[in-house]
Amino acid sequence: MNLLSRLAPAAMVALLLLTACPSKKETTEAETSAASQPTLPKAPDFNPDSAYAYTAKQVAFGPRVPNTKAHVQTGDWIIGKFKEAGLTVKEQPFEAMAFDGKMLKSRNIIAQYMPQAPRRIAIFTHWDTRPFADKDKEKKNQPLDGASDGASGVGVALEMARILSLQKDAAAPGVGVDFILFDSEDYGYDGSTQGEKKNLLGQQETWCLGSQHWAKNMVPANYKPNYGILLDMVGAKNAKFTREQLSREKAADVVEKVWNNAAQLGFSDYFLFTDGYGLTDDHVFTNQAGVRTIDVIDFLPNGEFQPYHHTTQDNMSIIDKRTLKAVGQTLLTTIYAE
């Protein structure tokens, strides 16, 4: 979804992350380590059919571009589903100027499971869609469905919330979980595809407007979870999650536990033991706010995005229940291992 990734070419080099691209060698030691890990805790089964239905429902509203009816309706529906699951929900409305000068009426959504629990895990994702399919050869100014880039992360979060809400006291995890959904993440300027447009924000970061706002105005106030996991583009067929650079720098232990859990669950074809490049995504700003956060994002080992990225191909035809299962089950297992 998302501004993210903007693995930014040349411009990103100047920005924090692509300065020193790490080598992307396979680390067989990590795979060996995963095989010798202790037995994983019993976690509830993640239902990929339900996560798929949640993803499809968001797409059915239409592109979730800020300042549109579909955007408002989708946000209301997401809030309703979290409340239906019994979570404590807060909205964080804000306005932010986009690179093209538009003022975006936005809102971050925060849903808390077991808000009284002192130890907490944050699950981040973004729920808006990019207003331009700027990598599309024929429809570059058309908004996209954002089925994987946006809707899939929310679909996984909603299904996790539903499952957790069904657990009786004895079967509940030992930590509380906060689902924090950022808005206006994907309304950024990409100089490599939008050279004909003018960036009115200059040197100011144009991506991740919702996480930038949240990082400066945290909800809950003084939020200090054990760590955070950002989900971005987690629903496409044959997704490849490499170990992103900033994630390794800021929370190497979290990267290790998530990837090892995935390996033990049999999902190593998705969670690759490969060190990837640094990306500009919402985790840049959550880390700046003091929340150690890793990024689970569909990004190929060769340093490129999947062909659907920021094109009209990002629709329900690319969504795969097996990918949703791999991500959702890995996250539930990680939470239950705390």
Protein backbone atom coordinates (compact mmCIF):
# COMPACT_ATOMS: atom_id res chain seq x y z
CA MET A 1 0.00 0.00 0.00
CA ASN A 2 1.73 2.38 0.11
CA LEU A 3 4.00 4.88 0.05
CA LEU A 4 6.03 2.48 1.26
CA SER A 5 8.34 0.89 -0.24
CA ARG A 6 9.30 3.46 -2.38
CA LEU A 7 12.53 1.84 -2.44
CA ALA A 8 13.35 5.04 -3.90
CA PRO A 9 15.85 5.06 -6.47
CA ALA A 10 18.23 7.93 -6.50
CA ALA A 11 16.16 10.11 -4.24
CA MET A 12 16.08 7.48 -1.56
CA VAL A 13 19.80 7.27 -1.50
CA ALA A 14 19.77 10.76 -0.05
CA LEU A 15 17.07 9.72 2.38
CA LEU A 16 17.89 7.51 5.32
CA LEU A 17 17.70 4.10 3.96
CA LEU A 18 19.18 3.10 0.69
CA THR A 19 22.56 4.52 1.54
CA ALA A 20 24.23 1.23 2.12
CA CYS A 21 22.31 -1.58 0.54
CA PRO A 22 23.16 -4.78 2.38
CA SER A 23 24.21 -7.89 0.59
CA LYS A 24 21.33 -10.20 -0.06
CA LYS A 25 23.05 -13.53 0.60
CA GLU A 26 21.15 -16.56 1.80
CA THR A 27 21.89 -17.15 5.46
CA THR A 28 21.74 -20.90 5.85
CA GLU A 29 22.87 -20.55 9.48
CA ALA A 30 19.52 -18.91 10.24
CA GLU A 31 17.66 -21.76 8.61
CA THR A 32 19.66 -24.23 10.67
CA SER A 33 18.87 -22.19 13.76
CA ALA A 34 15.16 -22.25 12.94
CA ALA A 35 15.21 -26.03 12.71
CA SER A 36 16.68 -26.30 16.21
CA GLN A 37 14.21 -23.92 17.86
CA PRO A 38 12.08 -25.17 20.77
CA THR A 39 8.58 -26.41 20.03
CA LEU A 40 6.23 -23.59 19.12
CA PRO A 41 3.29 -22.79 21.38
CA LYS A 42 -0.17 -23.85 20.33
CA ALA A 43 -1.82 -20.84 18.71
CA PRO A 44 -5.37 -20.61 17.34
CA ASP A 45 -5.79 -21.47 13.67
CA PHE A 46 -5.81 -18.47 11.37
CA ASN A 47 -8.72 -18.65 8.88
CA PRO A 48 -7.52 -17.50 5.43
CA ASP A 49 -11.05 -17.69 3.99
CA SER A 50 -12.18 -15.05 6.47
CA ALA A 51 -9.13 -12.86 5.83
CA TYR A 52 -9.78 -13.14 2.09
CA ALA A 53 -13.42 -12.07 2.58
CA TYR A 54 -12.31 -9.05 4.64
CA THR A 55 -9.87 -8.12 1.89
CA ALA A 56 -12.51 -8.45 -0.82
CA LYS A 57 -15.00 -6.37 1.15
CA GLN A 58 -12.60 -3.43 1.31
CA VAL A 59 -11.91 -3.63 -2.41
CA ALA A 60 -15.66 -3.74 -3.10
CA PHE A 61 -16.08 -0.25 -1.61
CA GLY A 62 -13.87 1.10 -4.39
CA PRO A 63 -10.41 2.73 -4.21
CA ARG A 64 -9.86 3.97 -0.64
CA VAL A 65 -8.41 7.31 -1.65
CA PRO A 66 -8.66 10.07 0.99
CA ASN A 67 -11.45 12.64 0.38
CA THR A 68 -13.68 10.08 -1.35
CA LYS A 69 -16.93 8.39 -0.32
CA ALA A 70 -15.34 4.94 -0.62
CA HIS A 71 -12.61 5.99 1.79
CA VAL A 72 -15.10 7.13 4.43
CA GLN A 73 -17.30 4.05 4.02
CA THR A 74 -14.37 1.66 4.27
CA GLY A 75 -13.04 3.35 7.41
CA ASP A 76 -16.45 3.15 9.06
CA TRP A 77 -16.72 -0.53 8.14
CA ILE A 78 -13.25 -1.35 9.53
CA ILE A 79 -14.10 0.37 12.81
CA GLY A 80 -17.37 -1.54 12.96
CA LYS A 81 -15.63 -4.91 12.51
CA PHE A 82 -13.14 -4.20 15.28
CA LYS A 83 -15.96 -3.17 17.61
CA GLU A 84 -17.92 -6.25 16.60
CA ALA A 85 -14.96 -8.30 17.84
CA GLY A 86 -15.13 -6.50 21.19
CA LEU A 87 -11.96 -4.46 20.83
CA THR A 88 -11.56 -0.96 22.24
CA VAL A 89 -11.43 1.37 19.24
CA LYS A 90 -10.14 4.92 18.94
CA GLU A 91 -10.05 7.18 15.90
CA GLN A 92 -7.30 9.71 15.29
CA PRO A 93 -8.59 12.22 12.72
CA PHE A 94 -6.11 14.57 11.08
CA GLU A 95 -5.54 16.59 7.94
CA ALA A 96 -2.33 16.41 5.96
CA MET A 97 -1.14 18.16 2.84
CA ALA A 98 -0.24 15.86 -0.03
CA PHE A 99 2.63 16.56 -2.42
CA ASP A 100 0.18 17.99 -4.97
CA GLY A 101 -1.22 20.53 -2.47
CA LYS A 102 -4.45 18.68 -1.65
CA MET A 103 -5.51 18.62 1.99
CA LEU A 104 -6.32 15.01 2.82
CA LYS A 105 -9.03 14.37 5.40
CA SER A 106 -7.62 11.32 7.12
CA ARG A 107 -7.94 9.17 10.23
CA ASN A 108 -5.75 6.56 11.85
CA ILE A 109 -7.62 3.68 13.48
CA ILE A 110 -6.43 2.12 16.75
CA ALA A 111 -8.08 -1.08 18.04
CA GLN A 112 -6.91 -2.65 21.30
CA TYR A 113 -7.27 -6.29 22.34
CA MET A 114 -6.94 -6.76 26.12
CA PRO A 115 -6.18 -3.06 26.69
CA GLN A 116 -5.49 -3.74 30.37
CA ALA A 117 -2.53 -6.05 29.65
CA PRO A 118 0.78 -4.35 30.58
CA ARG A 119 2.87 -6.20 27.96
CA ARG A 120 1.80 -5.34 24.40
CA ILE A 121 2.55 -6.06 20.75
CA ALA A 122 1.67 -3.62 17.96
CA ILE A 123 0.45 -4.76 14.55
CA PHE A 124 0.69 -1.90 12.06
CA THR A 125 -0.66 -1.63 8.53
CA HIS A 126 -2.18 1.05 6.29
CA TRP A 127 -5.74 1.10 5.00
CA ASP A 128 -5.78 3.72 2.25
CA THR A 129 -5.04 3.18 -1.44
CA ARG A 130 -2.80 5.00 -3.86
CA PRO A 131 -4.71 7.46 -6.09
CA PHE A 132 -2.41 6.88 -9.07
CA ALA A 133 -1.43 3.64 -10.77
CA ASP A 134 1.75 5.45 -11.80
CA LYS A 135 3.63 2.27 -12.76
CA ASP A 136 0.80 1.25 -15.10
CA LYS A 137 1.70 1.69 -18.76
CA GLU A 138 -1.82 2.65 -19.82
CA LYS A 139 -3.72 3.89 -16.76
CA LYS A 140 -1.10 5.71 -14.70
CA ASN A 141 -3.50 8.36 -13.39
CA GLN A 142 -6.20 5.89 -12.39
CA PRO A 143 -6.60 4.88 -8.73
CA LEU A 144 -5.93 1.24 -7.90
CA ASP A 145 -7.87 -1.30 -5.90
CA GLY A 146 -4.96 -1.86 -3.54
CA ALA A 147 -5.99 -5.45 -2.88
CA SER A 148 -2.55 -6.48 -1.66
CA ASP A 149 -1.19 -2.97 -1.06
CA GLY A 150 -3.46 -2.00 1.79
CA ALA A 151 -6.48 -4.28 1.95
CA SER A 152 -4.57 -7.51 2.62
CA GLY A 153 -2.83 -6.13 5.71
CA VAL A 154 -6.15 -4.93 7.10
CA GLY A 155 -7.73 -8.28 6.22
CA VAL A 156 -5.08 -10.13 8.24
CA ALA A 157 -5.45 -7.69 11.15
CA LEU A 158 -9.25 -8.02 11.23
CA GLU A 159 -9.06 -11.81 11.18
CA MET A 160 -6.48 -11.83 13.95
CA ALA A 161 -8.74 -9.57 16.01
CA ARG A 162 -11.74 -11.82 15.39
CA ILE A 163 -9.84 -14.95 16.40
CA LEU A 164 -8.32 -13.41 19.51
CA SER A 165 -11.72 -12.16 20.64
CA LEU A 166 -13.03 -15.76 20.63
CA GLN A 167 -10.38 -17.06 23.02
CA LYS A 168 -11.50 -17.76 26.56
CA ASP A 169 -9.33 -16.51 29.42
CA ALA A 170 -7.23 -19.68 29.67
CA ALA A 171 -6.60 -19.65 25.92
CA ALA A 172 -5.74 -15.97 25.62
CA PRO A 173 -2.15 -14.93 24.82
CA GLY A 174 0.12 -13.48 27.49
CA VAL A 175 0.20 -10.06 25.83
CA GLY A 176 -2.27 -7.45 24.67
CA VAL A 177 -2.36 -6.57 20.97
CA ASP A 178 -2.86 -3.16 19.40
CA PHE A 179 -3.92 -3.00 15.76
CA ILE A 180 -2.88 0.42 14.47
CA LEU A 181 -4.01 1.26 10.94
CA PHE A 182 -2.45 4.27 9.26
CA ASP A 183 -4.18 6.46 6.72
CA SER A 184 -2.79 8.51 3.79
CA GLU A 185 0.27 6.32 3.55
CA ASP A 186 0.25 5.81 -0.18
CA TYR A 187 -0.33 9.36 -1.43
CA GLY A 188 3.37 10.04 -2.02
CA TYR A 189 5.49 11.43 -4.82
CA ASP A 190 7.60 9.04 -6.91
CA GLY A 191 10.01 11.01 -9.06
CA SER A 192 10.79 7.98 -11.22
CA THR A 193 7.18 7.65 -12.42
CA GLN A 194 5.64 11.08 -11.78
CA GLY A 195 8.19 13.42 -13.28
CA GLU A 196 5.43 15.38 -14.98
CA LYS A 197 3.95 16.32 -11.58
CA LYS A 198 5.27 18.97 -9.22
CA ASN A 199 6.16 18.04 -5.65
CA LEU A 200 5.04 21.02 -3.58
CA LEU A 201 6.44 19.55 -0.35
CA GLY A 202 10.04 19.86 -1.47
CA GLN A 203 12.41 17.97 0.84
CA GLN A 204 9.60 17.00 3.23
CA GLU A 205 8.73 13.28 3.24
CA THR A 206 5.64 12.82 1.05
CA TRP A 207 4.88 9.21 1.98
CA CYS A 208 3.45 7.74 5.19
CA LEU A 209 1.49 10.81 6.26
CA GLY A 210 -0.57 8.82 8.77
CA SER A 211 2.37 7.24 10.55
CA GLN A 212 4.20 10.56 10.56
CA HIS A 213 1.22 12.13 12.34
CA TRP A 214 0.87 9.22 14.77
CA ALA A 215 4.57 9.25 15.64
CA LYS A 216 4.23 12.89 16.75
CA ASN A 217 0.86 12.36 18.46
CA MET A 218 0.90 8.82 19.80
CA VAL A 219 -2.34 7.00 20.54
CA PRO A 220 -2.37 5.57 23.13
CA ALA A 221 -0.34 8.35 24.73
CA ASN A 222 3.23 7.39 25.70
CA TYR A 223 2.79 4.07 23.92
CA LYS A 224 5.54 1.55 24.73
CA PRO A 225 4.84 -1.92 23.33
CA ASN A 226 7.44 -4.68 23.38
CA TYR A 227 7.76 -4.28 19.62
CA GLY A 228 5.75 -3.70 16.46
CA ILE A 229 5.23 -5.62 13.21
CA LEU A 230 4.24 -3.69 10.08
CA LEU A 231 2.29 -5.54 7.39
CA ASP A 232 2.52 -4.20 3.85
CA MET A 233 1.42 -6.05 0.74
CA VAL A 234 0.90 -9.41 2.44
CA GLY A 235 -1.73 -11.06 0.27
CA ALA A 236 -0.37 -11.65 -3.23
CA LYS A 237 0.39 -14.99 -4.87
CA ASN A 238 4.00 -16.08 -4.46
CA ALA A 239 4.79 -13.22 -2.08
CA LYS A 240 8.41 -12.97 -1.00
CA PHE A 241 9.21 -11.37 2.36
CA THR A 242 12.91 -10.54 2.59
CA ARG A 243 14.43 -9.25 5.82
CA GLU A 244 14.34 -5.50 5.32
CA GLN A 245 17.41 -3.48 6.33
CA LEU A 246 15.96 -1.02 8.87
CA SER A 247 14.06 -3.89 10.50
CA ARG A 248 17.34 -5.73 11.07
CA GLU A 249 19.03 -2.61 12.38
CA LYS A 250 16.31 -1.62 14.84
CA ALA A 251 14.82 -4.97 15.90
CA ALA A 252 17.02 -7.87 14.79
CA ASP A 253 15.64 -10.12 17.52
CA VAL A 254 12.08 -9.59 16.28
CA VAL A 255 13.09 -10.34 12.70
CA GLU A 256 14.74 -13.52 13.91
CA LYS A 257 11.76 -14.74 15.91
CA VAL A 258 9.21 -14.00 13.18
CA TRP A 259 11.24 -15.61 10.40
CA ASN A 260 12.15 -18.62 12.54
CA ASN A 261 8.52 -19.10 13.55
CA ALA A 262 7.51 -18.96 9.90
CA ALA A 263 10.14 -21.56 9.04
CA GLN A 264 8.95 -23.93 11.76
CA LEU A 265 5.40 -23.54 10.50
CA GLY A 266 6.49 -24.46 6.98
CA PHE A 267 6.31 -20.99 5.41
CA SER A 268 9.94 -20.51 4.35
CA ASP A 269 8.87 -20.19 0.73
CA TYR A 270 7.29 -16.86 1.76
CA PHE A 271 9.58 -15.68 4.58
CA LEU A 272 12.98 -15.86 2.91
CA PHE A 273 16.20 -16.00 4.93
CA THR A 274 17.55 -13.27 2.70
CA ASP A 275 18.77 -9.84 3.79
CA GLY A 276 16.98 -7.18 1.75
CA TYR A 277 17.26 -3.48 1.08
CA GLY A 278 16.02 -0.67 3.29
CA LEU A 279 12.63 0.76 2.38
CA THR A 280 10.77 3.93 3.26
CA ASP A 281 7.61 2.60 4.89
CA ASP A 282 5.55 3.30 8.00
CA HIS A 283 8.10 1.51 10.19
CA VAL A 284 10.57 4.34 9.58
CA PHE A 285 8.35 6.63 11.65
CA THR A 286 7.24 4.12 14.28
CA ASN A 287 10.90 3.38 14.93
CA GLN A 288 11.58 7.10 15.22
CA ALA A 289 8.78 7.24 17.80
CA GLY A 290 10.57 4.62 19.90
CA VAL A 291 8.58 1.54 18.88
CA ARG A 292 10.99 -1.14 17.63
CA THR A 293 9.26 -2.20 14.44
CA ILE A 294 9.98 -4.64 11.63
CA ASP A 295 8.46 -4.56 8.15
CA VAL A 296 6.89 -7.67 6.61
CA ILE A 297 6.62 -6.56 2.99
CA ASP A 298 6.44 -8.29 -0.39
CA PHE A 299 9.79 -7.30 -1.86
CA LEU A 300 11.90 -9.47 -4.14
CA PRO A 301 15.49 -10.53 -3.36
CA ASN A 302 16.68 -8.77 -6.53
CA GLY A 303 15.71 -5.40 -5.05
CA GLU A 304 12.51 -4.95 -7.03
CA PHE A 305 8.81 -4.91 -6.27
CA GLN A 306 6.39 -7.44 -7.67
CA PRO A 307 4.92 -6.52 -11.09
CA TYR A 308 1.55 -5.58 -9.54
CA HIS A 309 3.08 -2.81 -7.42
CA HIS A 310 1.34 0.53 -8.04
CA THR A 311 -0.53 -0.75 -11.10
CA THR A 312 -4.14 -1.66 -11.77
CA GLN A 313 -3.05 -5.31 -11.53
CA ASP A 314 -3.25 -4.93 -7.76
CA ASN A 315 -6.78 -6.33 -7.60
CA MET A 316 -8.43 -9.40 -6.10
CA SER A 317 -7.14 -11.64 -8.90
CA ILE A 318 -3.67 -11.63 -7.30
CA ILE A 319 -4.81 -12.38 -3.74
CA ASP A 320 -3.92 -15.87 -2.51
CA LYS A 321 -5.35 -17.46 0.63
CA ARG A 322 -2.10 -19.39 1.13
CA THR A 323 -0.17 -16.15 1.48
CA LEU A 324 -2.74 -14.77 3.92
CA LYS A 325 -2.48 -18.00 5.92
CA ALA A 326 1.32 -17.85 6.03
CA VAL A 327 1.30 -14.29 7.38
CA GLY A 328 -1.64 -14.61 9.76
CA GLN A 329 -0.56 -17.93 11.29
CA THR A 330 3.01 -16.71 11.73
CA LEU A 331 1.84 -13.58 13.54
CA LEU A 332 -0.57 -15.44 15.82
CA THR A 333 2.17 -17.93 16.70
CA THR A 334 4.60 -15.10 17.42
CA ILE A 335 2.08 -13.44 19.74
CA TYR A 336 1.42 -16.72 21.59
CA ALA A 337 5.14 -17.29 21.99
CA GLU A 338 5.48 -14.14 24.11
